[in-house]
Amino acid sequence: MALASLRPLQSRNFALLWSAALVSNVGTWMQTVALGVLVYARSHQAGWTGLVAAAAFIPMGLLAPVGGALADRFDRRRWLIVTTLGEMAFATVLTVLVATGHDQPGIVIIVAFLGGAAGAIGFPAYQAMVPDLVPKEDLLGAISLSSAQFNLGRVVGPAAAGLTLIHHDYTLTFAVNAASFAAVVVALSLVRLPKPAPVRGDLGMFRRIADGARTAMSEPGCRSAIILISVVALLASPFIALVPVMSAALGHGAGGTALLVTAQGVGAVIGALVLPTLAEQLGRRRVVRGALFLLPLLLINYGLSPTLWWSLVTFLLVGAGYISVLAGLNTVVQLRAPAASRGRVIGLYMMALGIIYPIGAVLQGLIANRTGVRAVTVGGAVILLVVLGLLAMIRPQLLEALDDVPMIVPTEELP
């Protein structure tokens, strides 16, 4: 099964960027862990820790459409180099602040937000480049490998951060992250892509975003993927934020949380490697639809797990199912979005996930305070299963649009 999953790495351009992104992602996770530890050590208040996490995450939801519009306006490779250099600059600022003792929580949060903003406006360009890095038949494998790379970073990065933080060496941790961005810049300088299509017209930012939204809503596959990721983000994705609460409900603390997060990451890597082969054998649409219906069933089993060890097994499966949904829907958007609008459509897709997931996490967290985390996890999964079933009966075309055949969008809709 690994052959189809690893085949995208035979493409030189993708292999270069994938390897560099893995290095950078490990550095990013090192910084993420260190930021939380640093801010809590300086403030002794959990609220500051939550704020620094939100500061790094919120820009993705708010600025992804802007990043998508810029990705369609400029040469994507060059634009990604610029934004990566921006991320490197803010990571360097953090390093200097810590080294000089000017690391008050408020200042650290502002710099973390600016670094997150640089990443948010650059990431749609990376996503929009992927179809130009591999043959069409390897696109799902490429997106799955990118997901596996993210989850490998989530496993390796915190472990590496633990080694550097044994002696509270925050400066070294942030310096490693700053240096890791150089790998992406070097890889991008070596990548060779087709010459970008000329951009017609000189529309303003909001007009370009609005035109991208109209294109996304007029293309059945893109519209379905955005609607479905919104539903999943609201009802299923909050399980990620509630992992510490589930660990506590199982009678374990931080150690249980670490084990669960690791299990999810391992499951996601396994799912990402298996997904392309299943798609080749069964068809992409069938696999994506199957993953959508399988995910809530896996979450129900996770929510009902009586012990930590059984939770680890079920959570590993949840990780595989969840990454299959995300990679599958992302692939639909990549394949179906017109090339000239791909960045903006991807930006809207990312915005739906980035904004609705925190809302769902807050809502389910508040409900869990009253009903318990098990009840809210199972309840959200049951509602998701019911919604998907109703859509299959009432709006079957929504799920049928999750295939590889792009709709021809009138050229006047593409500025």
Protein backbone atom coordinates (compact mmCIF):
# COMPACT_ATOMS: atom_id res chain seq x y z
CA MET A 1 0.00 0.00 0.00
CA ALA A 2 2.95 2.31 0.51
CA LEU A 3 3.78 2.44 -3.20
CA ALA A 4 0.91 4.69 -4.24
CA SER A 5 1.32 6.76 -1.08
CA LEU A 6 5.02 7.40 -1.65
CA ARG A 7 4.87 7.81 -5.43
CA PRO A 8 4.62 11.64 -5.27
CA LEU A 9 8.12 11.68 -3.77
CA GLN A 10 9.39 10.53 -7.17
CA SER A 11 8.54 14.02 -8.42
CA ARG A 12 11.62 16.15 -7.76
CA ASN A 13 9.77 19.38 -7.03
CA PHE A 14 7.38 17.77 -4.55
CA ALA A 15 10.16 15.82 -2.81
CA LEU A 16 12.16 19.02 -2.32
CA LEU A 17 9.29 20.97 -0.83
CA TRP A 18 7.95 18.07 1.23
CA SER A 19 11.33 17.46 2.86
CA ALA A 20 11.86 21.16 3.56
CA ALA A 21 8.34 21.54 4.94
CA LEU A 22 8.94 18.63 7.31
CA VAL A 23 12.05 20.33 8.69
CA SER A 24 10.17 23.61 9.09
CA ASN A 25 7.15 21.92 10.64
CA VAL A 26 9.28 20.25 13.29
CA GLY A 27 10.70 23.68 14.13
CA THR A 28 7.22 25.21 14.26
CA TRP A 29 5.98 22.56 16.70
CA MET A 30 9.08 23.10 18.83
CA GLN A 31 8.22 26.79 19.01
CA THR A 32 4.54 26.09 19.71
CA VAL A 33 5.38 23.96 22.71
CA ALA A 34 8.06 26.35 23.96
CA LEU A 35 5.76 29.38 23.66
CA GLY A 36 3.18 27.80 25.93
CA VAL A 37 5.79 26.81 28.49
CA LEU A 38 7.50 30.21 28.35
CA VAL A 39 4.34 32.26 28.72
CA TYR A 40 3.12 30.17 31.64
CA ALA A 41 6.54 30.34 33.31
CA ARG A 42 6.52 34.14 33.04
CA SER A 43 2.86 34.71 34.01
CA HIS A 44 1.79 31.63 36.02
CA GLN A 45 -1.66 32.07 34.44
CA ALA A 46 -3.33 29.54 32.15
CA GLY A 47 -5.19 32.36 30.40
CA TRP A 48 -1.98 33.67 28.85
CA THR A 49 -1.19 30.18 27.55
CA GLY A 50 -4.57 30.05 25.82
CA LEU A 51 -4.03 33.50 24.34
CA VAL A 52 -0.65 32.63 22.84
CA ALA A 53 -2.10 29.47 21.28
CA ALA A 54 -5.02 31.44 19.83
CA ALA A 55 -2.70 34.18 18.57
CA ALA A 56 -0.82 31.68 16.41
CA PHE A 57 -4.00 29.92 15.16
CA ILE A 58 -6.57 32.68 14.57
CA PRO A 59 -4.72 34.31 11.62
CA MET A 60 -5.23 31.14 9.55
CA GLY A 61 -8.99 31.51 9.75
CA LEU A 62 -9.07 35.27 9.29
CA LEU A 63 -6.36 35.80 6.68
CA ALA A 64 -6.59 32.66 4.52
CA PRO A 65 -8.89 34.39 1.96
CA VAL A 66 -6.41 37.28 1.72
CA GLY A 67 -3.58 34.80 1.26
CA GLY A 68 -5.58 33.02 -1.42
CA ALA A 69 -6.20 36.25 -3.32
CA LEU A 70 -2.50 37.13 -3.18
CA ALA A 71 -1.60 33.60 -4.30
CA ASP A 72 -3.69 34.15 -7.44
CA ARG A 73 -2.27 37.65 -7.96
CA PHE A 74 1.48 36.98 -7.70
CA ASP A 75 3.89 34.25 -8.74
CA ARG A 76 3.09 31.63 -6.09
CA ARG A 77 6.64 30.37 -5.65
CA ARG A 78 8.08 33.85 -5.16
CA TRP A 79 5.22 34.90 -2.89
CA LEU A 80 5.78 31.85 -0.71
CA ILE A 81 9.48 32.73 -0.42
CA VAL A 82 8.50 36.22 0.79
CA THR A 83 6.05 34.96 3.42
CA THR A 84 8.48 32.27 4.59
CA LEU A 85 11.13 34.93 5.09
CA GLY A 86 8.53 36.84 7.11
CA GLU A 87 7.96 33.82 9.35
CA MET A 88 11.71 33.46 9.76
CA ALA A 89 12.00 37.13 10.72
CA PHE A 90 9.36 36.90 13.46
CA ALA A 91 10.89 33.67 14.80
CA THR A 92 14.22 35.50 14.93
CA VAL A 93 12.60 38.38 16.82
CA LEU A 94 11.31 35.89 19.39
CA THR A 95 14.81 34.46 19.73
CA VAL A 96 16.28 37.90 20.34
CA LEU A 97 13.54 38.87 22.81
CA VAL A 98 14.14 35.75 24.90
CA ALA A 99 17.94 36.06 24.70
CA THR A 100 17.80 39.66 25.93
CA GLY A 101 15.17 39.06 28.62
CA HIS A 102 12.45 41.13 26.94
CA ASP A 103 10.00 38.22 26.76
CA GLN A 104 6.96 39.60 28.58
CA PRO A 105 3.81 37.59 27.72
CA GLY A 106 2.09 40.49 25.93
CA ILE A 107 5.05 41.11 23.62
CA VAL A 108 5.47 37.38 22.92
CA ILE A 109 1.78 37.06 21.97
CA ILE A 110 2.02 39.98 19.54
CA VAL A 111 5.06 38.48 17.81
CA ALA A 112 3.42 35.05 17.71
CA PHE A 113 0.35 36.59 16.08
CA LEU A 114 2.47 38.36 13.44
CA GLY A 115 4.34 35.12 12.70
CA GLY A 116 1.02 33.30 12.39
CA ALA A 117 -0.24 36.03 10.05
CA ALA A 118 2.80 35.61 7.78
CA GLY A 119 2.17 31.88 7.62
CA ALA A 120 -1.55 32.36 7.02
CA ILE A 121 -1.12 34.57 3.96
CA GLY A 122 1.53 32.23 2.54
CA PHE A 123 -0.02 28.80 3.09
CA PRO A 124 -2.71 29.10 0.36
CA ALA A 125 0.12 29.67 -2.14
CA TYR A 126 1.75 26.41 -1.05
CA GLN A 127 -1.56 24.55 -1.32
CA ALA A 128 -2.28 26.06 -4.74
CA MET A 129 1.18 24.98 -5.96
CA VAL A 130 0.71 21.30 -5.13
CA PRO A 131 -1.18 20.38 -8.36
CA ASP A 132 1.79 21.81 -10.29
CA LEU A 133 4.27 19.65 -8.37
CA VAL A 134 2.90 16.17 -9.20
CA PRO A 135 0.87 14.46 -11.94
CA LYS A 136 -2.90 14.59 -11.44
CA GLU A 137 -3.12 10.91 -10.52
CA ASP A 138 -0.67 11.51 -7.64
CA LEU A 139 -2.44 14.56 -6.20
CA LEU A 140 -4.30 12.69 -3.45
CA GLY A 141 -1.05 10.98 -2.51
CA ALA A 142 0.73 14.34 -2.40
CA ILE A 143 -1.92 15.88 -0.15
CA SER A 144 -1.93 12.78 2.04
CA LEU A 145 1.85 12.91 2.36
CA SER A 146 1.59 16.58 3.29
CA SER A 147 -0.86 15.60 6.03
CA ALA A 148 1.50 12.84 7.15
CA GLN A 149 4.35 15.35 7.21
CA PHE A 150 2.31 17.69 9.43
CA ASN A 151 1.56 14.90 11.88
CA LEU A 152 5.16 13.67 11.88
CA GLY A 153 6.14 17.20 12.83
CA ARG A 154 3.55 17.17 15.60
CA VAL A 155 5.14 14.02 17.04
CA VAL A 156 8.83 14.90 16.53
CA GLY A 157 8.62 18.63 17.27
CA PRO A 158 7.31 18.43 20.86
CA ALA A 159 9.83 15.65 21.62
CA ALA A 160 12.68 17.80 20.29
CA ALA A 161 11.36 20.77 22.25
CA GLY A 162 11.39 18.63 25.38
CA LEU A 163 15.10 18.02 24.91
CA THR A 164 15.94 21.72 24.49
CA LEU A 165 13.66 22.78 27.33
CA ILE A 166 15.13 20.39 29.91
CA HIS A 167 17.43 23.27 30.88
CA HIS A 168 14.83 25.94 30.01
CA ASP A 169 16.80 26.89 26.88
CA TYR A 170 14.05 28.86 25.13
CA THR A 171 16.58 30.78 23.04
CA LEU A 172 17.90 27.62 21.38
CA THR A 173 14.35 26.36 20.72
CA PHE A 174 13.28 29.54 18.95
CA ALA A 175 16.60 29.76 17.09
CA VAL A 176 16.11 26.25 15.72
CA ASN A 177 12.68 27.22 14.44
CA ALA A 178 14.01 30.38 12.80
CA ALA A 179 16.75 28.39 11.07
CA SER A 180 14.27 25.71 9.92
CA PHE A 181 12.54 28.17 7.59
CA ALA A 182 15.76 28.41 5.59
CA ALA A 183 15.12 24.87 4.36
CA VAL A 184 11.86 25.99 2.72
CA VAL A 185 13.50 29.04 1.11
CA VAL A 186 16.30 26.90 -0.33
CA ALA A 187 13.85 24.29 -1.63
CA LEU A 188 11.66 26.93 -3.27
CA SER A 189 14.70 28.45 -4.97
CA LEU A 190 15.44 25.03 -6.51
CA VAL A 191 11.87 24.25 -7.60
CA ARG A 192 10.98 24.70 -11.26
CA LEU A 193 7.30 25.32 -12.05
CA PRO A 194 5.32 26.14 -15.19
CA LYS A 195 5.19 29.84 -15.95
CA PRO A 196 2.16 31.31 -14.16
CA ALA A 197 -0.75 32.45 -16.29
CA PRO A 198 -0.95 36.24 -16.67
CA VAL A 199 -3.45 37.93 -14.37
CA ARG A 200 -6.12 39.85 -16.23
CA GLY A 201 -7.38 43.07 -14.74
CA ASP A 202 -6.29 45.00 -11.66
CA LEU A 203 -9.10 44.31 -9.22
CA GLY A 204 -8.99 45.30 -5.58
CA MET A 205 -8.47 42.77 -2.81
CA PHE A 206 -12.10 42.51 -1.72
CA ARG A 207 -13.32 42.22 -5.31
CA ARG A 208 -10.88 39.41 -5.97
CA ILE A 209 -11.95 37.57 -2.82
CA ALA A 210 -15.62 38.02 -3.75
CA ASP A 211 -14.99 36.71 -7.27
CA GLY A 212 -13.15 33.73 -5.79
CA ALA A 213 -16.13 33.04 -3.50
CA ARG A 214 -18.52 33.14 -6.48
CA THR A 215 -16.28 30.72 -8.36
CA ALA A 216 -16.18 28.36 -5.37
CA MET A 217 -19.95 28.41 -4.94
CA SER A 218 -20.58 27.92 -8.67
CA GLU A 219 -18.36 24.82 -8.88
CA PRO A 220 -20.29 21.84 -7.43
CA GLY A 221 -17.29 19.93 -6.08
CA CYS A 222 -15.72 22.96 -4.40
CA ARG A 223 -19.08 24.01 -2.96
CA SER A 224 -19.68 20.53 -1.55
CA ALA A 225 -16.19 20.32 -0.03
CA ILE A 226 -16.55 23.72 1.69
CA ILE A 227 -20.01 22.88 3.05
CA LEU A 228 -18.91 19.46 4.30
CA ILE A 229 -15.69 20.70 5.93
CA SER A 230 -17.78 23.33 7.73
CA VAL A 231 -20.12 20.66 9.12
CA VAL A 232 -17.20 18.44 10.13
CA ALA A 233 -15.36 21.37 11.73
CA LEU A 234 -18.39 22.23 13.88
CA LEU A 235 -19.45 18.74 14.95
CA ALA A 236 -16.35 16.51 14.77
CA SER A 237 -13.14 18.57 14.85
CA PRO A 238 -13.59 19.83 18.46
CA PHE A 239 -12.45 16.41 19.69
CA ILE A 240 -8.92 17.77 19.17
CA ALA A 241 -9.37 20.62 21.66
CA LEU A 242 -11.08 18.36 24.20
CA VAL A 243 -8.27 15.79 24.44
CA PRO A 244 -7.04 17.08 27.84
CA VAL A 245 -10.61 16.94 29.16
CA MET A 246 -11.05 13.37 27.92
CA SER A 247 -7.76 12.39 29.54
CA ALA A 248 -8.97 13.81 32.85
CA ALA A 249 -12.29 11.98 32.50
CA LEU A 250 -10.32 8.75 32.09
CA GLY A 251 -8.45 9.45 35.35
CA HIS A 252 -5.21 10.66 33.76
CA GLY A 253 -3.58 14.05 33.45
CA ALA A 254 -0.89 15.48 31.20
CA GLY A 255 0.64 12.04 30.61
CA GLY A 256 -2.64 10.71 29.24
CA THR A 257 -3.01 13.78 27.05
CA ALA A 258 0.44 13.23 25.56
CA LEU A 259 -0.35 9.57 24.84
CA LEU A 260 -3.67 10.45 23.18
CA VAL A 261 -2.14 13.20 21.04
CA THR A 262 0.63 10.84 19.96
CA ALA A 263 -1.89 8.11 19.11
CA GLN A 264 -3.87 10.54 16.96
CA GLY A 265 -0.70 11.65 15.18
CA VAL A 266 0.39 8.07 14.48
CA GLY A 267 -3.09 7.21 13.25
CA ALA A 268 -3.08 10.23 10.95
CA VAL A 269 0.25 9.18 9.43
CA ILE A 270 -1.04 5.63 8.86
CA GLY A 271 -4.28 6.92 7.36
CA ALA A 272 -2.42 9.31 5.07
CA LEU A 273 -0.23 6.48 3.77
CA VAL A 274 -3.11 4.04 3.19
CA LEU A 275 -5.57 6.54 1.68
CA PRO A 276 -4.07 6.90 -1.85
CA THR A 277 -4.01 3.13 -2.46
CA LEU A 278 -7.61 2.77 -1.30
CA ALA A 279 -8.60 5.61 -3.59
CA GLU A 280 -6.91 3.95 -6.55
CA GLN A 281 -8.71 0.67 -5.88
CA LEU A 282 -12.14 1.99 -4.90
CA GLY A 283 -12.28 5.48 -6.44
CA ARG A 284 -11.71 8.83 -4.75
CA ARG A 285 -15.37 9.77 -4.34
CA ARG A 286 -16.26 6.43 -2.75
CA VAL A 287 -13.33 6.66 -0.32
CA VAL A 288 -14.12 10.26 0.68
CA ARG A 289 -17.79 9.46 1.22
CA GLY A 290 -16.87 6.36 3.19
CA ALA A 291 -14.48 8.34 5.39
CA LEU A 292 -17.18 10.94 6.08
CA PHE A 293 -19.59 8.30 7.39
CA LEU A 294 -16.88 6.29 9.16
CA LEU A 295 -15.50 9.24 11.16
CA PRO A 296 -18.56 9.76 13.42
CA LEU A 297 -18.73 6.01 14.11
CA LEU A 298 -15.08 6.07 15.21
CA LEU A 299 -15.74 9.12 17.39
CA ILE A 300 -18.66 7.35 19.07
CA ASN A 301 -16.38 4.43 19.95
CA TYR A 302 -13.75 6.86 21.24
CA GLY A 303 -16.31 8.70 23.37
CA LEU A 304 -17.54 5.44 24.90
CA SER A 305 -14.07 4.00 25.62
CA PRO A 306 -13.93 2.85 29.26
CA THR A 307 -10.15 2.96 29.74
CA LEU A 308 -7.19 4.99 28.55
CA TRP A 309 -5.68 2.06 26.67
CA TRP A 310 -8.87 1.37 24.75
CA SER A 311 -9.12 5.10 24.08
CA LEU A 312 -5.63 5.01 22.58
CA VAL A 313 -6.68 2.29 20.13
CA THR A 314 -9.89 4.07 19.13
CA PHE A 315 -8.14 7.45 18.96
CA LEU A 316 -5.52 6.04 16.60
CA LEU A 317 -8.40 5.03 14.31
CA VAL A 318 -10.01 8.45 14.74
CA GLY A 319 -6.73 10.04 13.63
CA ALA A 320 -6.72 7.89 10.49
CA GLY A 321 -10.38 8.62 9.72
CA TYR A 322 -10.09 12.35 10.36
CA ILE A 323 -7.05 12.81 8.13
CA SER A 324 -8.82 10.83 5.40
CA VAL A 325 -11.72 13.28 5.49
CA LEU A 326 -9.47 16.35 5.46
CA ALA A 327 -7.15 15.05 2.73
CA GLY A 328 -10.07 13.78 0.63
CA LEU A 329 -12.02 17.06 0.72
CA ASN A 330 -8.84 19.06 0.15
CA THR A 331 -8.10 16.98 -2.94
CA VAL A 332 -11.57 17.69 -4.32
CA VAL A 333 -10.92 21.43 -3.99
CA GLN A 334 -7.47 21.14 -5.57
CA LEU A 335 -8.80 19.16 -8.55
CA ARG A 336 -12.01 21.07 -9.14
CA ALA A 337 -10.93 24.67 -8.56
CA PRO A 338 -10.00 26.54 -11.78
CA ALA A 339 -6.25 27.17 -11.90
CA ALA A 340 -6.62 30.96 -12.03
CA SER A 341 -8.80 30.96 -8.88
CA ARG A 342 -7.27 28.02 -7.03
CA GLY A 343 -5.61 30.11 -4.34
CA ARG A 344 -8.80 31.99 -3.48
CA VAL A 345 -10.94 28.85 -3.40
CA ILE A 346 -8.41 27.11 -1.14
CA GLY A 347 -8.32 30.22 1.04
CA LEU A 348 -12.09 30.03 1.54
CA TYR A 349 -11.86 26.32 2.32
CA MET A 350 -9.17 27.01 4.91
CA MET A 351 -11.18 29.89 6.37
CA ALA A 352 -14.19 27.62 6.86
CA LEU A 353 -12.07 25.13 8.78
CA GLY A 354 -10.07 27.78 10.65
CA ILE A 355 -13.05 29.79 11.89
CA ILE A 356 -15.72 27.16 12.46
CA TYR A 357 -13.45 24.74 14.32
CA PRO A 358 -12.69 27.18 17.19
CA ILE A 359 -16.40 28.04 17.41
CA GLY A 360 -17.25 24.35 17.65
CA ALA A 361 -14.50 23.80 20.22
CA VAL A 362 -15.84 26.60 22.44
CA LEU A 363 -19.44 25.42 22.13
CA GLN A 364 -18.64 21.78 22.80
CA GLY A 365 -16.38 22.79 25.68
CA LEU A 366 -19.22 24.75 27.30
CA ILE A 367 -21.63 21.87 26.79
CA ALA A 368 -19.06 19.42 28.17
CA ASN A 369 -18.93 21.46 31.38
CA ARG A 370 -22.57 20.49 31.96
CA THR A 371 -22.94 17.08 30.32
CA GLY A 372 -19.42 15.67 30.42
CA VAL A 373 -16.89 15.26 27.63
CA ARG A 374 -18.03 11.75 26.73
CA ALA A 375 -21.62 12.87 26.14
CA VAL A 376 -20.64 15.85 24.00
CA THR A 377 -18.20 13.76 21.90
CA VAL A 378 -20.76 11.05 21.26
CA GLY A 379 -23.57 13.58 20.78
CA GLY A 380 -21.63 15.60 18.20
CA ALA A 381 -20.74 12.40 16.33
CA VAL A 382 -24.35 11.21 16.30
CA ILE A 383 -25.56 14.59 15.00
CA LEU A 384 -22.88 14.49 12.28
CA LEU A 385 -23.99 11.00 11.26
CA VAL A 386 -27.63 12.12 11.10
CA VAL A 387 -26.75 15.24 9.07
CA LEU A 388 -24.73 13.18 6.58
CA GLY A 389 -27.57 10.67 6.28
CA LEU A 390 -30.11 13.43 5.63
CA LEU A 391 -27.84 14.99 3.01
CA ALA A 392 -27.46 11.60 1.31
CA MET A 393 -31.26 11.28 1.10
CA ILE A 394 -32.35 14.89 0.51
CA ARG A 395 -29.34 16.38 -1.32
CA PRO A 396 -27.52 13.40 -2.85
CA GLN A 397 -25.91 15.67 -5.43
CA LEU A 398 -23.87 17.26 -2.63
CA LEU A 399 -22.01 13.99 -2.04
CA GLU A 400 -22.04 12.96 -5.68
CA ALA A 401 -20.06 16.11 -6.56
CA LEU A 402 -17.02 14.74 -4.69
CA ASP A 403 -15.39 13.34 -7.81
CA ASP A 404 -12.51 14.25 -10.11
CA VAL A 405 -14.41 15.84 -13.00
CA PRO A 406 -14.08 19.62 -12.86
CA MET A 407 -16.88 21.82 -13.99
CA ILE A 408 -16.06 24.26 -16.81
CA VAL A 409 -16.49 27.70 -15.28
CA PRO A 410 -17.23 30.57 -17.68
CA THR A 411 -14.07 32.60 -18.27
CA GLU A 412 -15.75 35.88 -17.39
CA GLU A 413 -15.99 34.64 -13.80
CA LEU A 414 -12.23 34.35 -13.59
CA PRO A 415 -10.61 37.77 -13.29
